[in-house]
Amino acid sequence: RFEVDKTYIARVKGKVAPGVLRRLREGVDLEEGRTSPARVKVVGSEGDSTVLEFVIHQGWKRQIRRMCDVVGLQVTDLMRTRLGPLSIEKLPEGKWREMTPSEVDALFKALGLG
């Protein structure tokens, strides 16, 4: 609800055509309505898969997977790497840690609450 950027890394099957990237960037229609434009870029490839980075701010339920489905992409792996100013790239899957005071301050500022 605060529209803070959320960054995800998605592995999808196959190669991704430029037209598909353009559609994702412009927004696609889901049940809730049209998604806001997303920042999407190819960050690599692994075998027969393409690795994409998505930056969105809506955060609808399973939004990335559903956006990909609409444009014909099958997500095989998805990981959130950043929430606003907070990076969780180096946090092992399924683990957690307490936020530092400076991270709490940065998050409040990103939310417009501090």
PDB file of N, CA and C in Angstrom:
ATOM      1  N   ARG A   1       0.817  -1.196   0.000  1.00  0.00           N
ATOM      2  CA  ARG A   1       0.000   0.000   0.000  1.00  0.00           C
ATOM      3  C   ARG A   1       0.856   1.253   0.000  1.00  0.00           C
ATOM      4  N   PHE A   2       2.126   1.131   0.396  1.00  0.00           N
ATOM      5  CA  PHE A   2       3.021   2.290   0.409  1.00  0.00           C
ATOM      6  C   PHE A   2       3.786   2.451  -0.900  1.00  0.00           C
ATOM      7  N   GLU A   3       3.599   1.509  -1.824  1.00  0.00           N
ATOM      8  CA  GLU A   3       4.222   1.540  -3.142  1.00  0.00           C
ATOM      9  C   GLU A   3       5.738   1.657  -3.077  1.00  0.00           C
ATOM     10  N   VAL A   4       6.341   0.862  -2.216  1.00  0.00           N
ATOM     11  CA  VAL A   4       7.795   0.781  -2.134  1.00  0.00           C
ATOM     12  C   VAL A   4       8.276  -0.211  -3.187  1.00  0.00           C
ATOM     13  N   ASP A   5       9.353   0.113  -3.871  1.00  0.00           N
ATOM     14  CA  ASP A   5       9.881  -0.795  -4.882  1.00  0.00           C
ATOM     15  C   ASP A   5      10.268  -2.132  -4.272  1.00  0.00           C
ATOM     16  N   LYS A   6       9.924  -3.201  -5.002  1.00  0.00           N
ATOM     17  CA  LYS A   6      10.311  -4.551  -4.630  1.00  0.00           C
ATOM     18  C   LYS A   6      11.054  -5.136  -5.820  1.00  0.00           C
ATOM     19  N   THR A   7      12.212  -5.713  -5.563  1.00  0.00           N
ATOM     20  CA  THR A   7      13.034  -6.260  -6.641  1.00  0.00           C
ATOM     21  C   THR A   7      13.061  -7.777  -6.534  1.00  0.00           C
ATOM     22  N   TYR A   8      12.861  -8.423  -7.670  1.00  0.00           N
ATOM     23  CA  TYR A   8      12.833  -9.879  -7.749  1.00  0.00           C
ATOM     24  C   TYR A   8      13.756 -10.361  -8.856  1.00  0.00           C
ATOM     25  N   ILE A   9      14.297 -11.553  -8.669  1.00  0.00           N
ATOM     26  CA  ILE A   9      15.003 -12.253  -9.730  1.00  0.00           C
ATOM     27  C   ILE A   9      14.140 -13.458 -10.093  1.00  0.00           C
ATOM     28  N   ALA A  10      13.799 -13.569 -11.374  1.00  0.00           N
ATOM     29  CA  ALA A  10      12.961 -14.669 -11.852  1.00  0.00           C
ATOM     30  C   ALA A  10      13.707 -15.442 -12.927  1.00  0.00           C
ATOM     31  N   ARG A  11      13.703 -16.753 -12.797  1.00  0.00           N
ATOM     32  CA  ARG A  11      14.233 -17.614 -13.853  1.00  0.00           C
ATOM     33  C   ARG A  11      13.026 -18.135 -14.621  1.00  0.00           C
ATOM     34  N   VAL A  12      13.035 -17.935 -15.946  1.00  0.00           N
ATOM     35  CA  VAL A  12      11.934 -18.376 -16.787  1.00  0.00           C
ATOM     36  C   VAL A  12      12.457 -19.326 -17.859  1.00  0.00           C
ATOM     37  N   LYS A  13      11.594 -20.226 -18.294  1.00  0.00           N
ATOM     38  CA  LYS A  13      11.984 -21.179 -19.340  1.00  0.00           C
ATOM     39  C   LYS A  13      12.114 -20.471 -20.675  1.00  0.00           C
ATOM     40  N   GLY A  14      13.157 -20.832 -21.421  1.00  0.00           N
ATOM     41  CA  GLY A  14      13.332 -20.332 -22.777  1.00  0.00           C
ATOM     42  C   GLY A  14      13.946 -18.952 -22.857  1.00  0.00           C
ATOM     43  N   LYS A  15      13.989 -18.474 -24.092  1.00  0.00           N
ATOM     44  CA  LYS A  15      14.492 -17.129 -24.370  1.00  0.00           C
ATOM     45  C   LYS A  15      13.323 -16.150 -24.313  1.00  0.00           C
ATOM     46  N   VAL A  16      13.616 -14.911 -23.967  1.00  0.00           N
ATOM     47  CA  VAL A  16      12.574 -13.893 -23.839  1.00  0.00           C
ATOM     48  C   VAL A  16      12.728 -12.889 -24.978  1.00  0.00           C
ATOM     49  N   ALA A  17      11.686 -12.788 -25.775  1.00  0.00           N
ATOM     50  CA  ALA A  17      11.696 -11.880 -26.927  1.00  0.00           C
ATOM     51  C   ALA A  17      11.560 -10.429 -26.457  1.00  0.00           C
ATOM     52  N   PRO A  18      12.136  -9.494 -27.217  1.00  0.00           N
ATOM     53  CA  PRO A  18      12.021  -8.077 -26.864  1.00  0.00           C
ATOM     54  C   PRO A  18      10.573  -7.612 -26.715  1.00  0.00           C
ATOM     55  N   GLY A  19       9.659  -8.126 -27.525  1.00  0.00           N
ATOM     56  CA  GLY A  19       8.248  -7.742 -27.427  1.00  0.00           C
ATOM     57  C   GLY A  19       7.619  -8.156 -26.105  1.00  0.00           C
ATOM     58  N   VAL A  20       8.060  -9.285 -25.569  1.00  0.00           N
ATOM     59  CA  VAL A  20       7.560  -9.756 -24.277  1.00  0.00           C
ATOM     60  C   VAL A  20       8.046  -8.821 -23.173  1.00  0.00           C
ATOM     61  N   LEU A  21       9.316  -8.438 -23.234  1.00  0.00           N
ATOM     62  CA  LEU A  21       9.848  -7.485 -22.250  1.00  0.00           C
ATOM     63  C   LEU A  21       9.087  -6.169 -22.311  1.00  0.00           C
ATOM     64  N   ARG A  22       8.792  -5.713 -23.516  1.00  0.00           N
ATOM     65  CA  ARG A  22       8.064  -4.453 -23.694  1.00  0.00           C
ATOM     66  C   ARG A  22       6.676  -4.543 -23.048  1.00  0.00           C
ATOM     67  N   ARG A  23       5.983  -5.653 -23.249  1.00  0.00           N
ATOM     68  CA  ARG A  23       4.650  -5.824 -22.646  1.00  0.00           C
ATOM     69  C   ARG A  23       4.724  -5.783 -21.126  1.00  0.00           C
ATOM     70  N   LEU A  24       5.712  -6.475 -20.547  1.00  0.00           N
ATOM     71  CA  LEU A  24       5.865  -6.469 -19.092  1.00  0.00           C
ATOM     72  C   LEU A  24       6.170  -5.063 -18.586  1.00  0.00           C
ATOM     73  N   ARG A  25       6.993  -4.341 -19.333  1.00  0.00           N
ATOM     74  CA  ARG A  25       7.365  -2.982 -18.930  1.00  0.00           C
ATOM     75  C   ARG A  25       6.188  -2.023 -18.998  1.00  0.00           C
ATOM     76  N   GLU A  26       5.272  -2.252 -19.933  1.00  0.00           N
ATOM     77  CA  GLU A  26       4.121  -1.358 -20.104  1.00  0.00           C
ATOM     78  C   GLU A  26       2.999  -1.677 -19.132  1.00  0.00           C
ATOM     79  N   GLY A  27       3.000  -2.885 -18.569  1.00  0.00           N
ATOM     80  CA  GLY A  27       1.926  -3.330 -17.694  1.00  0.00           C
ATOM     81  C   GLY A  27       1.040  -4.324 -18.418  1.00  0.00           C
ATOM     82  N   VAL A  28       0.525  -5.288 -17.686  1.00  0.00           N
ATOM     83  CA  VAL A  28      -0.358  -6.301 -18.258  1.00  0.00           C
ATOM     84  C   VAL A  28      -1.644  -6.351 -17.442  1.00  0.00           C
ATOM     85  N   ASP A  29      -2.684  -6.926 -18.022  1.00  0.00           N
ATOM     86  CA  ASP A  29      -3.974  -7.014 -17.352  1.00  0.00           C
ATOM     87  C   ASP A  29      -4.059  -8.280 -16.513  1.00  0.00           C
ATOM     88  N   LEU A  30      -4.356  -8.091 -15.220  1.00  0.00           N
ATOM     89  CA  LEU A  30      -4.597  -9.186 -14.289  1.00  0.00           C
ATOM     90  C   LEU A  30      -6.012  -9.017 -13.728  1.00  0.00           C
ATOM     91  N   GLU A  31      -6.454  -9.952 -12.893  1.00  0.00           N
ATOM     92  CA  GLU A  31      -7.798  -9.880 -12.307  1.00  0.00           C
ATOM     93  C   GLU A  31      -8.067  -8.539 -11.638  1.00  0.00           C
ATOM     94  N   GLU A  32      -7.061  -8.017 -10.909  1.00  0.00           N
ATOM     95  CA  GLU A  32      -7.240  -6.781 -10.151  1.00  0.00           C
ATOM     96  C   GLU A  32      -7.261  -5.546 -11.027  1.00  0.00           C
ATOM     97  N   GLY A  33      -6.810  -5.695 -12.253  1.00  0.00           N
ATOM     98  CA  GLY A  33      -6.696  -4.579 -13.172  1.00  0.00           C
ATOM     99  C   GLY A  33      -5.341  -4.622 -13.862  1.00  0.00           C
ATOM    100  N   ARG A  34      -4.984  -3.512 -14.460  1.00  0.00           N
ATOM    101  CA  ARG A  34      -3.715  -3.427 -15.178  1.00  0.00           C
ATOM    102  C   ARG A  34      -2.596  -3.151 -14.182  1.00  0.00           C
ATOM    103  N   THR A  35      -1.501  -3.891 -14.333  1.00  0.00           N
ATOM    104  CA  THR A  35      -0.350  -3.650 -13.473  1.00  0.00           C
ATOM    105  C   THR A  35       0.313  -2.337 -13.859  1.00  0.00           C
ATOM    106  N   SER A  36       0.926  -1.715 -12.910  1.00  0.00           N
ATOM    107  CA  SER A  36       1.735  -0.533 -13.208  1.00  0.00           C
ATOM    108  C   SER A  36       2.926  -0.981 -14.044  1.00  0.00           C
ATOM    109  N   PRO A  37       3.502  -0.080 -14.815  1.00  0.00           N
ATOM    110  CA  PRO A  37       4.699  -0.460 -15.562  1.00  0.00           C
ATOM    111  C   PRO A  37       5.770  -1.011 -14.616  1.00  0.00           C
ATOM    112  N   ALA A  38       6.426  -2.057 -15.065  1.00  0.00           N
ATOM    113  CA  ALA A  38       7.497  -2.686 -14.287  1.00  0.00           C
ATOM    114  C   ALA A  38       8.827  -2.384 -14.961  1.00  0.00           C
ATOM    115  N   ARG A  39       9.859  -2.317 -14.165  1.00  0.00           N
ATOM    116  CA  ARG A  39      11.202  -2.256 -14.737  1.00  0.00           C
ATOM    117  C   ARG A  39      11.662  -3.699 -14.840  1.00  0.00           C
ATOM    118  N   VAL A  40      11.903  -4.144 -16.053  1.00  0.00           N
ATOM    119  CA  VAL A  40      12.289  -5.536 -16.300  1.00  0.00           C
ATOM    120  C   VAL A  40      13.495  -5.539 -17.215  1.00  0.00           C
ATOM    121  N   LYS A  41      14.495  -6.349 -16.843  1.00  0.00           N
ATOM    122  CA  LYS A  41      15.651  -6.484 -17.716  1.00  0.00           C
ATOM    123  C   LYS A  41      16.190  -7.906 -17.626  1.00  0.00           C
ATOM    124  N   VAL A  42      16.823  -8.322 -18.710  1.00  0.00           N
ATOM    125  CA  VAL A  42      17.489  -9.618 -18.739  1.00  0.00           C
ATOM    126  C   VAL A  42      18.824  -9.448 -18.039  1.00  0.00           C
ATOM    127  N   VAL A  43      19.078 -10.297 -17.044  1.00  0.00           N
ATOM    128  CA  VAL A  43      20.348 -10.210 -16.322  1.00  0.00           C
ATOM    129  C   VAL A  43      21.234 -11.420 -16.561  1.00  0.00           C
ATOM    130  N   GLY A  44      20.741 -12.383 -17.338  1.00  0.00           N
ATOM    131  CA  GLY A  44      21.577 -13.533 -17.646  1.00  0.00           C
ATOM    132  C   GLY A  44      20.780 -14.660 -18.263  1.00  0.00           C
ATOM    133  N   SER A  45      21.493 -15.742 -18.548  1.00  0.00           N
ATOM    134  CA  SER A  45      20.852 -16.949 -19.044  1.00  0.00           C
ATOM    135  C   SER A  45      21.592 -18.133 -18.446  1.00  0.00           C
ATOM    136  N   GLU A  46      20.852 -19.205 -18.230  1.00  0.00           N
ATOM    137  CA  GLU A  46      21.408 -20.423 -17.661  1.00  0.00           C
ATOM    138  C   GLU A  46      20.808 -21.588 -18.418  1.00  0.00           C
ATOM    139  N   GLY A  47      21.599 -22.218 -19.289  1.00  0.00           N
ATOM    140  CA  GLY A  47      21.077 -23.321 -20.083  1.00  0.00           C
ATOM    141  C   GLY A  47      19.949 -22.836 -20.972  1.00  0.00           C
ATOM    142  N   ASP A  48      18.780 -23.469 -20.845  1.00  0.00           N
ATOM    143  CA  ASP A  48      17.633 -23.074 -21.669  1.00  0.00           C
ATOM    144  C   ASP A  48      16.714 -22.087 -20.942  1.00  0.00           C
ATOM    145  N   SER A  49      17.235 -21.408 -19.925  1.00  0.00           N
ATOM    146  CA  SER A  49      16.440 -20.451 -19.154  1.00  0.00           C
ATOM    147  C   SER A  49      17.015 -19.047 -19.263  1.00  0.00           C
ATOM    148  N   THR A  50      16.152 -18.075 -19.038  1.00  0.00           N
ATOM    149  CA  THR A  50      16.549 -16.668 -19.001  1.00  0.00           C
ATOM    150  C   THR A  50      16.318 -16.155 -17.582  1.00  0.00           C
ATOM    151  N   VAL A  51      17.248 -15.340 -17.094  1.00  0.00           N
ATOM    152  CA  VAL A  51      17.115 -14.754 -15.765  1.00  0.00           C
ATOM    153  C   VAL A  51      16.737 -13.281 -15.935  1.00  0.00           C
ATOM    154  N   LEU A  52      15.620 -12.914 -15.303  1.00  0.00           N
ATOM    155  CA  LEU A  52      15.097 -11.555 -15.401  1.00  0.00           C
ATOM    156  C   LEU A  52      15.112 -10.881 -14.044  1.00  0.00           C
ATOM    157  N   GLU A  53      15.332  -9.574 -14.050  1.00  0.00           N
ATOM    158  CA  GLU A  53      15.180  -8.776 -12.838  1.00  0.00           C
ATOM    159  C   GLU A  53      13.934  -7.918 -13.015  1.00  0.00           C
ATOM    160  N   PHE A  54      13.022  -7.999 -12.053  1.00  0.00           N
ATOM    161  CA  PHE A  54      11.801  -7.206 -12.038  1.00  0.00           C
ATOM    162  C   PHE A  54      11.877  -6.217 -10.885  1.00  0.00           C
ATOM    163  N   VAL A  55      11.470  -4.979 -11.127  1.00  0.00           N
ATOM    164  CA  VAL A  55      11.268  -4.009 -10.049  1.00  0.00           C
ATOM    165  C   VAL A  55       9.825  -3.536 -10.194  1.00  0.00           C
ATOM    166  N   ILE A  56       9.029  -3.830  -9.166  1.00  0.00           N
ATOM    167  CA  ILE A  56       7.618  -3.440  -9.154  1.00  0.00           C
ATOM    168  C   ILE A  56       7.339  -2.703  -7.846  1.00  0.00           C
ATOM    169  N   HIS A  57       6.197  -2.034  -7.771  1.00  0.00           N
ATOM    170  CA  HIS A  57       5.851  -1.403  -6.499  1.00  0.00           C
ATOM    171  C   HIS A  57       4.475  -1.792  -5.995  1.00  0.00           C
ATOM    172  N   GLN A  58       3.714  -2.541  -6.788  1.00  0.00           N
ATOM    173  CA  GLN A  58       2.377  -2.919  -6.336  1.00  0.00           C
ATOM    174  C   GLN A  58       2.415  -4.061  -5.327  1.00  0.00           C
ATOM    175  N   GLY A  59       2.980  -5.182  -5.691  1.00  0.00           N
ATOM    176  CA  GLY A  59       3.053  -6.318  -4.780  1.00  0.00           C
ATOM    177  C   GLY A  59       1.759  -7.088  -4.634  1.00  0.00           C
ATOM    178  N   TRP A  60       0.977  -7.222  -5.727  1.00  0.00           N
ATOM    179  CA  TRP A  60      -0.226  -8.037  -5.689  1.00  0.00           C
ATOM    180  C   TRP A  60       0.169  -9.497  -5.504  1.00  0.00           C
ATOM    181  N   LYS A  61      -0.730 -10.307  -4.991  1.00  0.00           N
ATOM    182  CA  LYS A  61      -0.463 -11.719  -4.731  1.00  0.00           C
ATOM    183  C   LYS A  61       0.038 -12.426  -5.989  1.00  0.00           C
ATOM    184  N   ARG A  62       1.215 -13.026  -5.858  1.00  0.00           N
ATOM    185  CA  ARG A  62       1.846 -13.790  -6.948  1.00  0.00           C
ATOM    186  C   ARG A  62       1.952 -12.973  -8.252  1.00  0.00           C
ATOM    187  N   GLN A  63       2.155 -11.667  -8.109  1.00  0.00           N
ATOM    188  CA  GLN A  63       2.112 -10.765  -9.262  1.00  0.00           C
ATOM    189  C   GLN A  63       3.119 -11.123 -10.345  1.00  0.00           C
ATOM    190  N   ILE A  64       4.360 -11.366  -9.978  1.00  0.00           N
ATOM    191  CA  ILE A  64       5.384 -11.652 -10.988  1.00  0.00           C
ATOM    192  C   ILE A  64       5.017 -12.907 -11.765  1.00  0.00           C
ATOM    193  N   ARG A  65       4.660 -13.974 -11.050  1.00  0.00           N
ATOM    194  CA  ARG A  65       4.285 -15.233 -11.723  1.00  0.00           C
ATOM    195  C   ARG A  65       3.093 -15.027 -12.654  1.00  0.00           C
ATOM    196  N   ARG A  66       2.105 -14.273 -12.202  1.00  0.00           N
ATOM    197  CA  ARG A  66       0.915 -14.053 -13.031  1.00  0.00           C
ATOM    198  C   ARG A  66       1.222 -13.149 -14.227  1.00  0.00           C
ATOM    199  N   MET A  67       2.075 -12.138 -14.031  1.00  0.00           N
ATOM    200  CA  MET A  67       2.471 -11.291 -15.156  1.00  0.00           C
ATOM    201  C   MET A  67       3.176 -12.128 -16.222  1.00  0.00           C
ATOM    202  N   CYS A  68       4.067 -12.989 -15.762  1.00  0.00           N
ATOM    203  CA  CYS A  68       4.798 -13.843 -16.709  1.00  0.00           C
ATOM    204  C   CYS A  68       3.851 -14.784 -17.433  1.00  0.00           C
ATOM    205  N   ASP A  69       2.895 -15.336 -16.716  1.00  0.00           N
ATOM    206  CA  ASP A  69       1.927 -16.243 -17.320  1.00  0.00           C
ATOM    207  C   ASP A  69       1.157 -15.561 -18.440  1.00  0.00           C
ATOM    208  N   VAL A  70       0.755 -14.302 -18.217  1.00  0.00           N
ATOM    209  CA  VAL A  70      -0.009 -13.555 -19.218  1.00  0.00           C
ATOM    210  C   VAL A  70       0.770 -13.416 -20.529  1.00  0.00           C
ATOM    211  N   VAL A  71       2.089 -13.273 -20.437  1.00  0.00           N
ATOM    212  CA  VAL A  71       2.895 -13.077 -21.656  1.00  0.00           C
ATOM    213  C   VAL A  71       3.533 -14.384 -22.134  1.00  0.00           C
ATOM    214  N   GLY A  72       3.124 -15.508 -21.545  1.00  0.00           N
ATOM    215  CA  GLY A  72       3.583 -16.808 -22.024  1.00  0.00           C
ATOM    216  C   GLY A  72       4.907 -17.288 -21.457  1.00  0.00           C
ATOM    217  N   LEU A  73       5.340 -16.731 -20.335  1.00  0.00           N
ATOM    218  CA  LEU A  73       6.584 -17.168 -19.715  1.00  0.00           C
ATOM    219  C   LEU A  73       6.274 -18.063 -18.524  1.00  0.00           C
ATOM    220  N   GLN A  74       7.042 -19.141 -18.389  1.00  0.00           N
ATOM    221  CA  GLN A  74       6.880 -20.037 -17.241  1.00  0.00           C
ATOM    222  C   GLN A  74       8.006 -19.787 -16.244  1.00  0.00           C
ATOM    223  N   VAL A  75       7.654 -19.343 -15.053  1.00  0.00           N
ATOM    224  CA  VAL A  75       8.629 -19.066 -13.996  1.00  0.00           C
ATOM    225  C   VAL A  75       9.016 -20.384 -13.337  1.00  0.00           C
ATOM    226  N   THR A  76      10.331 -20.641 -13.292  1.00  0.00           N
ATOM    227  CA  THR A  76      10.809 -21.855 -12.632  1.00  0.00           C
ATOM    228  C   THR A  76      11.435 -21.560 -11.272  1.00  0.00           C
ATOM    229  N   ASP A  77      11.821 -20.315 -11.047  1.00  0.00           N
ATOM    230  CA  ASP A  77      12.409 -19.918  -9.772  1.00  0.00           C
ATOM    231  C   ASP A  77      12.180 -18.427  -9.595  1.00  0.00           C
ATOM    232  N   LEU A  78      11.846 -18.028  -8.375  1.00  0.00           N
ATOM    233  CA  LEU A  78      11.569 -16.622  -8.107  1.00  0.00           C
ATOM    234  C   LEU A  78      12.063 -16.285  -6.712  1.00  0.00           C
ATOM    235  N   MET A  79      12.792 -15.175  -6.604  1.00  0.00           N
ATOM    236  CA  MET A  79      13.327 -14.767  -5.317  1.00  0.00           C
ATOM    237  C   MET A  79      13.264 -13.244  -5.208  1.00  0.00           C
ATOM    238  N   ARG A  80      12.749 -12.758  -4.071  1.00  0.00           N
ATOM    239  CA  ARG A  80      12.793 -11.315  -3.824  1.00  0.00           C
ATOM    240  C   ARG A  80      14.182 -10.992  -3.312  1.00  0.00           C
ATOM    241  N   THR A  81      14.796  -9.942  -3.852  1.00  0.00           N
ATOM    242  CA  THR A  81      16.153  -9.576  -3.458  1.00  0.00           C
ATOM    243  C   THR A  81      16.228  -8.234  -2.745  1.00  0.00           C
ATOM    244  N   ARG A  82      15.159  -7.448  -2.853  1.00  0.00           N
ATOM    245  CA  ARG A  82      15.198  -6.118  -2.250  1.00  0.00           C
ATOM    246  C   ARG A  82      13.776  -5.667  -1.956  1.00  0.00           C
ATOM    247  N   LEU A  83      13.627  -4.975  -0.838  1.00  0.00           N
ATOM    248  CA  LEU A  83      12.373  -4.333  -0.476  1.00  0.00           C
ATOM    249  C   LEU A  83      12.729  -2.904  -0.127  1.00  0.00           C
ATOM    250  N   GLY A  84      12.370  -1.978  -1.008  1.00  0.00           N
ATOM    251  CA  GLY A  84      12.770  -0.585  -0.810  1.00  0.00           C
ATOM    252  C   GLY A  84      14.279  -0.507  -0.689  1.00  0.00           C
ATOM    253  N   PRO A  85      14.783   0.093   0.378  1.00  0.00           N
ATOM    254  CA  PRO A  85      16.228   0.242   0.542  1.00  0.00           C
ATOM    255  C   PRO A  85      16.904  -0.991   1.140  1.00  0.00           C
ATOM    256  N   LEU A  86      16.123  -2.022   1.477  1.00  0.00           N
ATOM    257  CA  LEU A  86      16.672  -3.189   2.162  1.00  0.00           C
ATOM    258  C   LEU A  86      17.010  -4.301   1.182  1.00  0.00           C
ATOM    259  N   SER A  87      18.260  -4.736   1.203  1.00  0.00           N
ATOM    260  CA  SER A  87      18.690  -5.848   0.356  1.00  0.00           C
ATOM    261  C   SER A  87      18.685  -7.128   1.176  1.00  0.00           C
ATOM    262  N   ILE A  88      18.152  -8.190   0.585  1.00  0.00           N
ATOM    263  CA  ILE A  88      18.170  -9.489   1.251  1.00  0.00           C
ATOM    264  C   ILE A  88      18.858 -10.532   0.378  1.00  0.00           C
ATOM    265  N   GLU A  89      19.674 -10.064  -0.574  1.00  0.00           N
ATOM    266  CA  GLU A  89      20.351 -10.960  -1.508  1.00  0.00           C
ATOM    267  C   GLU A  89      21.226 -11.993  -0.807  1.00  0.00           C
ATOM    268  N   LYS A  90      21.910 -11.624   0.245  1.00  0.00           N
ATOM    269  CA  LYS A  90      22.864 -12.523   0.879  1.00  0.00           C
ATOM    270  C   LYS A  90      22.257 -13.341   2.014  1.00  0.00           C
ATOM    271  N   LEU A  91      20.965 -13.193   2.233  1.00  0.00           N
ATOM    272  CA  LEU A  91      20.289 -13.940   3.291  1.00  0.00           C
ATOM    273  C   LEU A  91      19.917 -15.318   2.738  1.00  0.00           C
ATOM    274  N   PRO A  92      20.377 -16.385   3.375  1.00  0.00           N
ATOM    275  CA  PRO A  92      20.058 -17.728   2.868  1.00  0.00           C
ATOM    276  C   PRO A  92      18.544 -17.956   2.822  1.00  0.00           C
ATOM    277  N   GLU A  93      18.114 -18.727   1.837  1.00  0.00           N
ATOM    278  CA  GLU A  93      16.696 -19.019   1.669  1.00  0.00           C
ATOM    279  C   GLU A  93      16.116 -19.629   2.944  1.00  0.00           C
ATOM    280  N   GLY A  94      14.975 -19.119   3.361  1.00  0.00           N
ATOM    281  CA  GLY A  94      14.300 -19.627   4.545  1.00  0.00           C
ATOM    282  C   GLY A  94      14.827 -19.077   5.861  1.00  0.00           C
ATOM    283  N   LYS A  95      15.839 -18.221   5.812  1.00  0.00           N
ATOM    284  CA  LYS A  95      16.421 -17.651   7.025  1.00  0.00           C
ATOM    285  C   LYS A  95      15.949 -16.215   7.207  1.00  0.00           C
ATOM    286  N   TRP A  96      16.160 -15.696   8.407  1.00  0.00           N
ATOM    287  CA  TRP A  96      15.801 -14.317   8.705  1.00  0.00           C
ATOM    288  C   TRP A  96      16.848 -13.732   9.630  1.00  0.00           C
ATOM    289  N   ARG A  97      16.812 -12.427   9.750  1.00  0.00           N
ATOM    290  CA  ARG A  97      17.680 -11.728  10.696  1.00  0.00           C
ATOM    291  C   ARG A  97      16.967 -10.464  11.122  1.00  0.00           C
ATOM    292  N   GLU A  98      17.373  -9.935  12.257  1.00  0.00           N
ATOM    293  CA  GLU A  98      16.793  -8.679  12.712  1.00  0.00           C
ATOM    294  C   GLU A  98      17.378  -7.528  11.894  1.00  0.00           C
ATOM    295  N   MET A  99      16.563  -6.524  11.690  1.00  0.00           N
ATOM    296  CA  MET A  99      17.013  -5.347  10.964  1.00  0.00           C
ATOM    297  C   MET A  99      17.865  -4.492  11.886  1.00  0.00           C
ATOM    298  N   THR A 100      18.847  -3.826  11.292  1.00  0.00           N
ATOM    299  CA  THR A 100      19.665  -2.898  12.068  1.00  0.00           C
ATOM    300  C   THR A 100      18.872  -1.606  12.265  1.00  0.00           C
ATOM    301  N   PRO A 101      19.235  -0.807  13.257  1.00  0.00           N
ATOM    302  CA  PRO A 101      18.536   0.482  13.435  1.00  0.00           C
ATOM    303  C   PRO A 101      18.592   1.362  12.184  1.00  0.00           C
ATOM    304  N   SER A 102      19.707   1.347  11.473  1.00  0.00           N
ATOM    305  CA  SER A 102      19.797   2.182  10.272  1.00  0.00           C
ATOM    306  C   SER A 102      18.883   1.638   9.164  1.00  0.00           C
ATOM    307  N   GLU A 103      18.685   0.322   9.097  1.00  0.00           N
ATOM    308  CA  GLU A 103      17.757  -0.249   8.121  1.00  0.00           C
ATOM    309  C   GLU A 103      16.315   0.126   8.458  1.00  0.00           C
ATOM    310  N   VAL A 104      15.987   0.108   9.737  1.00  0.00           N
ATOM    311  CA  VAL A 104      14.640   0.505  10.163  1.00  0.00           C
ATOM    312  C   VAL A 104      14.392   1.963   9.780  1.00  0.00           C
ATOM    313  N   ASP A 105      15.354   2.824  10.057  1.00  0.00           N
ATOM    314  CA  ASP A 105      15.222   4.240   9.683  1.00  0.00           C
ATOM    315  C   ASP A 105      15.047   4.399   8.180  1.00  0.00           C
ATOM    316  N   ALA A 106      15.867   3.696   7.400  1.00  0.00           N
ATOM    317  CA  ALA A 106      15.801   3.796   5.938  1.00  0.00           C
ATOM    318  C   ALA A 106      14.446   3.317   5.427  1.00  0.00           C
ATOM    319  N   LEU A 107      13.921   2.256   6.007  1.00  0.00           N
ATOM    320  CA  LEU A 107      12.622   1.748   5.575  1.00  0.00           C
ATOM    321  C   LEU A 107      11.512   2.737   5.906  1.00  0.00           C
ATOM    322  N   PHE A 108      11.536   3.307   7.119  1.00  0.00           N
ATOM    323  CA  PHE A 108      10.529   4.303   7.481  1.00  0.00           C
ATOM    324  C   PHE A 108      10.580   5.510   6.533  1.00  0.00           C
ATOM    325  N   LYS A 109      11.790   5.939   6.193  1.00  0.00           N
ATOM    326  CA  LYS A 109      11.918   7.074   5.262  1.00  0.00           C
ATOM    327  C   LYS A 109      11.355   6.700   3.893  1.00  0.00           C
ATOM    328  N   ALA A 110      11.640   5.475   3.420  1.00  0.00           N
ATOM    329  CA  ALA A 110      11.131   5.033   2.111  1.00  0.00           C
ATOM    330  C   ALA A 110       9.595   4.978   2.107  1.00  0.00           C
ATOM    331  N   LEU A 111       9.014   4.688   3.259  1.00  0.00           N
ATOM    332  CA  LEU A 111       7.565   4.618   3.382  1.00  0.00           C
ATOM    333  C   LEU A 111       6.934   5.979   3.614  1.00  0.00           C
ATOM    334  N   GLY A 112       7.780   6.994   3.789  1.00  0.00           N
ATOM    335  CA  GLY A 112       7.278   8.335   4.065  1.00  0.00           C
ATOM    336  C   GLY A 112       6.769   8.487   5.484  1.00  0.00           C
ATOM    337  N   LEU A 113       7.312   7.661   6.389  1.00  0.00           N
ATOM    338  CA  LEU A 113       6.857   7.683   7.771  1.00  0.00           C
ATOM    339  C   LEU A 113       7.906   8.209   8.748  1.00  0.00           C
ATOM    340  N   GLY A 114       9.037   8.662   8.228  1.00  0.00           N
ATOM    341  CA  GLY A 114      10.046   9.077   9.191  1.00  0.00           C
ATOM    342  C   GLY A 114      10.789  10.232   8.810  1.00  0.00           C
TER     343      GLY A 114
END
